[in-house]
Each structure stands twice: as C-alpha cells, then as structure tokens.
Amino acid sequence: MAWGVITVSAELYRAYAYECLHFASGMETPSCKAVLLEMANTWLRLAQQAEKNAGHQSGATENRNELRGEALLDPPDADYPTQ
C-alpha cells in the first residue's frame, strides 16, 4: 500500500498565522499573547518553507495586505524573550 503525500499550501499556513495574530490582539495576559505570537511566527516560517519547497520565490506577490516574508519574525515591540 502506497502512502499519499499531503501538501499544505503556504496560504493555509498564513491563514493560521493570521488567526494567531487575531487571538493575540485580544489577549490581556502577556504570556498568552507571547505564545500566540510565537505560534504565528512558526506558521509564517512554515509558509516560507512551503514556498521554498514548491520552488516559489518569497515575496513574489505584491499584495501588502497578506502576511508575507518575515513580517513577525522579529516584531519591534515584542514583550517576550527571543531565542
């Protein structure tokens, strides 16, 4: 029996990142907000990797309303420790 390969698109990963940002914006607890922001970063990294694996160049589209590139990888007002 052969196993199929499931390919998840970069757009789906970005949608998950957006959800994390949405929930983080409503968080009052700094630790909860930090976890959600880190999750958003992880989803964005996965989106970048998916694009790389698919042979796409990062930033190929010019739609600035979408989460692209390293939008959150180093947020300037992060209130949590970075690795």
N, C-alpha and C. Protein backbone atom coordinates (compact mmCIF):
# COMPACT_ATOMS: atom_id res chain seq x y z
N MET A 1 0.85 -1.18 0.00
CA MET A 1 0.00 0.00 0.00
C MET A 1 0.89 1.24 0.00
N ALA A 2 0.69 2.11 -0.94
CA ALA A 2 1.48 3.34 -1.03
C ALA A 2 0.79 4.46 -0.27
N TRP A 3 1.58 5.26 0.40
CA TRP A 3 1.05 6.40 1.14
C TRP A 3 1.07 7.63 0.24
N GLY A 4 0.02 8.39 0.28
CA GLY A 4 -0.05 9.63 -0.50
C GLY A 4 0.65 10.75 0.26
N VAL A 5 1.02 11.76 -0.47
CA VAL A 5 1.66 12.93 0.13
C VAL A 5 0.63 14.04 0.20
N ILE A 6 0.49 14.60 1.37
CA ILE A 6 -0.44 15.72 1.55
C ILE A 6 0.39 17.00 1.52
N THR A 7 0.07 17.88 0.61
CA THR A 7 0.76 19.15 0.51
C THR A 7 -0.13 20.24 1.07
N VAL A 8 0.40 20.94 2.06
CA VAL A 8 -0.33 22.05 2.63
C VAL A 8 0.24 23.33 2.04
N SER A 9 -0.61 24.20 1.61
CA SER A 9 -0.16 25.40 0.92
C SER A 9 0.34 26.47 1.89
N ALA A 10 1.20 27.32 1.38
CA ALA A 10 1.71 28.44 2.16
C ALA A 10 0.56 29.37 2.56
N GLU A 11 -0.45 29.46 1.72
CA GLU A 11 -1.59 30.32 2.04
C GLU A 11 -2.33 29.82 3.28
N LEU A 12 -2.45 28.51 3.42
CA LEU A 12 -3.11 27.95 4.59
C LEU A 12 -2.28 28.24 5.85
N TYR A 13 -0.96 28.08 5.75
CA TYR A 13 -0.10 28.40 6.89
C TYR A 13 -0.25 29.88 7.28
N ARG A 14 -0.33 30.75 6.29
CA ARG A 14 -0.51 32.17 6.58
C ARG A 14 -1.87 32.44 7.23
N ALA A 15 -2.87 31.70 6.83
CA ALA A 15 -4.19 31.85 7.45
C ALA A 15 -4.13 31.47 8.92
N TYR A 16 -3.39 30.41 9.24
CA TYR A 16 -3.22 30.03 10.65
C TYR A 16 -2.45 31.11 11.41
N ALA A 17 -1.44 31.69 10.78
CA ALA A 17 -0.69 32.78 11.41
C ALA A 17 -1.61 33.96 11.71
N TYR A 18 -2.46 34.27 10.74
CA TYR A 18 -3.40 35.38 10.91
C TYR A 18 -4.34 35.12 12.08
N GLU A 19 -4.83 33.88 12.21
CA GLU A 19 -5.69 33.52 13.34
C GLU A 19 -4.97 33.74 14.66
N CYS A 20 -3.72 33.32 14.72
CA CYS A 20 -2.94 33.50 15.95
C CYS A 20 -2.81 34.98 16.28
N LEU A 21 -2.55 35.81 15.26
CA LEU A 21 -2.45 37.25 15.48
C LEU A 21 -3.77 37.83 15.96
N HIS A 22 -4.85 37.36 15.37
CA HIS A 22 -6.18 37.83 15.77
C HIS A 22 -6.42 37.53 17.25
N PHE A 23 -6.15 36.31 17.66
CA PHE A 23 -6.36 35.95 19.06
C PHE A 23 -5.39 36.68 19.98
N ALA A 24 -4.16 36.85 19.53
CA ALA A 24 -3.15 37.55 20.36
C ALA A 24 -3.56 38.99 20.61
N SER A 25 -4.19 39.62 19.62
CA SER A 25 -4.57 41.02 19.78
C SER A 25 -5.61 41.21 20.88
N GLY A 26 -6.34 40.15 21.20
CA GLY A 26 -7.34 40.24 22.26
C GLY A 26 -6.88 39.73 23.61
N MET A 27 -5.64 39.28 23.68
CA MET A 27 -5.12 38.74 24.93
C MET A 27 -4.64 39.84 25.86
N GLU A 28 -5.00 39.74 27.12
CA GLU A 28 -4.52 40.69 28.11
C GLU A 28 -3.32 40.14 28.87
N THR A 29 -3.21 38.83 28.94
CA THR A 29 -2.11 38.20 29.66
C THR A 29 -0.88 38.16 28.75
N PRO A 30 0.21 38.82 29.16
CA PRO A 30 1.40 38.86 28.31
C PRO A 30 1.93 37.48 27.92
N SER A 31 1.89 36.52 28.82
CA SER A 31 2.42 35.20 28.49
C SER A 31 1.57 34.50 27.43
N CYS A 32 0.26 34.66 27.50
CA CYS A 32 -0.62 34.08 26.49
C CYS A 32 -0.41 34.76 25.14
N LYS A 33 -0.28 36.08 25.18
CA LYS A 33 -0.03 36.83 23.95
C LYS A 33 1.28 36.39 23.32
N ALA A 34 2.31 36.21 24.14
CA ALA A 34 3.62 35.80 23.63
C ALA A 34 3.55 34.42 22.97
N VAL A 35 2.80 33.51 23.56
CA VAL A 35 2.66 32.17 22.98
C VAL A 35 2.00 32.25 21.61
N LEU A 36 0.94 33.04 21.51
CA LEU A 36 0.24 33.18 20.23
C LEU A 36 1.11 33.86 19.18
N LEU A 37 1.91 34.84 19.58
CA LEU A 37 2.81 35.49 18.63
C LEU A 37 3.89 34.53 18.16
N GLU A 38 4.37 33.70 19.05
CA GLU A 38 5.37 32.69 18.66
C GLU A 38 4.75 31.67 17.71
N MET A 39 3.50 31.30 17.97
CA MET A 39 2.81 30.38 17.07
C MET A 39 2.65 31.01 15.69
N ALA A 40 2.32 32.30 15.64
CA ALA A 40 2.19 32.99 14.36
C ALA A 40 3.52 32.98 13.63
N ASN A 41 4.61 33.22 14.34
CA ASN A 41 5.94 33.17 13.73
C ASN A 41 6.23 31.79 13.15
N THR A 42 5.87 30.77 13.88
CA THR A 42 6.10 29.40 13.41
C THR A 42 5.31 29.12 12.14
N TRP A 43 4.05 29.54 12.10
CA TRP A 43 3.25 29.35 10.89
C TRP A 43 3.85 30.10 9.72
N LEU A 44 4.37 31.31 9.95
CA LEU A 44 5.00 32.06 8.86
C LEU A 44 6.26 31.38 8.36
N ARG A 45 7.03 30.82 9.26
CA ARG A 45 8.23 30.08 8.85
C ARG A 45 7.85 28.86 8.01
N LEU A 46 6.78 28.18 8.42
CA LEU A 46 6.30 27.04 7.64
C LEU A 46 5.84 27.48 6.25
N ALA A 47 5.19 28.64 6.17
CA ALA A 47 4.76 29.16 4.88
C ALA A 47 5.97 29.44 3.99
N GLN A 48 6.99 30.04 4.56
CA GLN A 48 8.21 30.31 3.79
C GLN A 48 8.84 29.01 3.31
N GLN A 49 8.89 28.01 4.17
CA GLN A 49 9.48 26.73 3.79
C GLN A 49 8.64 26.05 2.70
N ALA A 50 7.32 26.14 2.81
CA ALA A 50 6.45 25.55 1.79
C ALA A 50 6.68 26.21 0.44
N GLU A 51 6.85 27.53 0.44
CA GLU A 51 7.14 28.22 -0.81
C GLU A 51 8.48 27.80 -1.38
N LYS A 52 9.45 27.69 -0.51
CA LYS A 52 10.79 27.26 -0.94
C LYS A 52 10.73 25.86 -1.53
N ASN A 53 10.01 24.97 -0.86
CA ASN A 53 9.90 23.59 -1.33
C ASN A 53 9.14 23.50 -2.64
N ALA A 54 8.21 24.42 -2.85
CA ALA A 54 7.42 24.42 -4.08
C ALA A 54 8.14 25.14 -5.22
N GLY A 55 9.29 25.73 -4.92
CA GLY A 55 10.05 26.41 -5.96
C GLY A 55 9.63 27.84 -6.18
N HIS A 56 8.82 28.38 -5.28
CA HIS A 56 8.41 29.77 -5.40
C HIS A 56 9.45 30.67 -4.75
N GLN A 57 9.52 31.88 -5.23
CA GLN A 57 10.38 32.86 -4.61
C GLN A 57 9.57 33.65 -3.60
N SER A 58 10.13 33.83 -2.41
CA SER A 58 9.44 34.59 -1.38
C SER A 58 9.21 36.02 -1.85
N GLY A 59 8.02 36.53 -1.56
CA GLY A 59 7.69 37.90 -1.93
C GLY A 59 7.33 38.07 -3.38
N ALA A 60 6.95 36.99 -4.05
CA ALA A 60 6.63 37.06 -5.48
C ALA A 60 5.40 37.91 -5.73
N THR A 61 4.49 37.97 -4.76
CA THR A 61 3.31 38.80 -4.93
C THR A 61 3.52 40.12 -4.23
N GLU A 62 2.81 41.12 -4.69
CA GLU A 62 2.96 42.46 -4.13
C GLU A 62 1.78 42.86 -3.26
N ASN A 63 0.93 41.92 -2.88
CA ASN A 63 -0.22 42.24 -2.05
C ASN A 63 0.27 42.47 -0.62
N ARG A 64 0.28 43.70 -0.21
CA ARG A 64 0.81 44.05 1.11
C ARG A 64 -0.19 43.79 2.23
N ASN A 65 -1.41 43.38 1.92
CA ASN A 65 -2.39 43.08 2.94
C ASN A 65 -2.28 41.65 3.44
N GLU A 66 -1.44 40.86 2.82
CA GLU A 66 -1.25 39.49 3.24
C GLU A 66 0.00 39.38 4.11
N LEU A 67 0.05 38.33 4.92
CA LEU A 67 1.24 38.08 5.71
C LEU A 67 2.27 37.45 4.80
N ARG A 68 3.36 38.14 4.59
CA ARG A 68 4.41 37.67 3.70
C ARG A 68 5.76 37.82 4.38
N GLY A 69 6.66 37.00 3.94
CA GLY A 69 8.05 37.14 4.38
C GLY A 69 8.23 37.00 5.87
N GLU A 70 8.99 37.90 6.42
CA GLU A 70 9.33 37.84 7.83
C GLU A 70 8.59 38.91 8.62
N ALA A 71 7.30 39.06 8.35
CA ALA A 71 6.51 40.12 8.96
C ALA A 71 6.56 40.10 10.49
N LEU A 72 6.59 38.94 11.08
CA LEU A 72 6.55 38.84 12.54
C LEU A 72 7.79 38.21 13.14
N LEU A 73 8.72 37.81 12.35
CA LEU A 73 9.84 37.05 12.89
C LEU A 73 10.60 37.82 13.95
N ASP A 74 10.66 39.13 13.85
CA ASP A 74 11.29 39.97 14.86
C ASP A 74 10.45 41.22 15.08
N PRO A 75 9.28 41.07 15.73
CA PRO A 75 8.44 42.25 15.92
C PRO A 75 9.14 43.27 16.80
N PRO A 76 9.07 44.56 16.45
CA PRO A 76 9.81 45.58 17.17
C PRO A 76 9.33 45.81 18.61
N ASP A 77 8.06 45.52 18.91
CA ASP A 77 7.57 45.77 20.25
C ASP A 77 7.29 44.48 21.02
N ALA A 78 8.04 43.45 20.72
CA ALA A 78 7.84 42.15 21.38
C ALA A 78 8.09 42.29 22.88
N ASP A 79 7.16 41.80 23.68
CA ASP A 79 7.33 41.86 25.13
C ASP A 79 7.65 40.48 25.69
N TYR A 80 8.34 39.67 24.92
CA TYR A 80 8.72 38.35 25.36
C TYR A 80 10.16 38.09 24.94
N PRO A 81 10.84 37.21 25.67
CA PRO A 81 12.25 36.94 25.32
C PRO A 81 12.37 36.21 23.99
N THR A 82 13.38 36.58 23.21
CA THR A 82 13.63 35.89 21.95
C THR A 82 14.66 34.81 22.17
N GLN A 83 14.70 33.87 21.24
CA GLN A 83 15.63 32.75 21.38
C GLN A 83 16.98 33.10 20.87
